[in-house]
Amino acid sequence: MGSLSHRLFLGALFKNKDKLCDVRTHLENVNNLCRFLHKHSVNYSLKSDLPIKWFRPEKIPCYKPAKSGDLKDLGQVDVKCLAPSFQDIDELKSADENVKKLFTLEFLPYKSTVSHLRQEYANRVKRHEFDDDSPEVRVAKMTADIRDMQRFVETFPHDKRTRVRLKETIDKRKRLLKRLRTWDYKCFEYVIEKLDLIYKPYPLSDVYKRIERKRSMRMLTNTYCQNIVTDKLTKYKEELNSQKESYLVHKIETLKWIMKEEAYCGVQPTITEDHLKAVEAELSKLRESMKTETTVINE
């Protein structure tokens, strides 16, 4: 509706343009047009001239390995080996190959494969043969479950029940790792090394900040302004350094002139030969350093 009234106003104004003989009337109409455009044009967003662009970072789901801290996936499982519950049976050792094959992971339910993986991960960190409930073993079993569910979610990403269970298991493991880190730090380092993990604690409440465009733009603008100030100061410093030699030469000439005038006037001298030698030594040192820098640049 606002655009229609805008067009009607412009049409009525320029339709009678030939009849505007008086310059004053024409200027009044132009003034009214400016007021109308100023009133009906609203700047809904500020457009900055700074060369800063902000794009919202891609959100990583909590069940992804990049977020959970798992450096490796589940890996390949040897399905030709016997299930853990049948490995200690003596009768199977002397049985036929076709009979043995029925008790391998290939022909058993998938939960037998998961149980085998849990036992394999637990063997990496358990304290002794009968260790089954220490914090290290619990972390290892959770890691096997997490990597198994991560592989499942990659294939079936819309399975909400598995995703929820996966997130809960990751949170449980993170809490247990936090306690283990407090109780025994060396054991904590040993566990994350053996299981190929990275511990990613929850951010502190006073440090964590939501990702917002306004805050990010302010931070980027502040950084941009600081870089401008730093560049200008660097250029100004280089300019002053380039003027050091001419300044010292002029200073030596001025000191000689002051000494000459004081001697001519017969007053107590304020500039001695020591002052002059100090400035000359500073000038020679500066020239040597400039020659060294030039040689290094040429090489």
Foldseek 3Di string as FASTA:
>chain_A
DLVVVLVVLVCVLVVCPVVPPDPVVVVVSVVVNVVSCVVSDDDPDDDDPDPDDDDDDDDDDCLDCVNLFAPDALDDDDQQDFQPVCPPDPVLVPDDPVVRSCRTNVNDDCVSVLVVQLVVQLVLQADDDPGCDDLLSLLSSLLSLSRVLSVVCVVVVPPVVSVVVNNVSSVVSLVSLVVCCVVPVVSSVSSCVSRVGDRDHDDDPVPDDDDDPVVVVVVVVVVVVVVVVVVVVVVVVVVVLVCPLVVLVVVLVVLVVQVVVCVVVVHDDPRDVVNNVVSVVVNVVSVVVVVVVVVVVVD
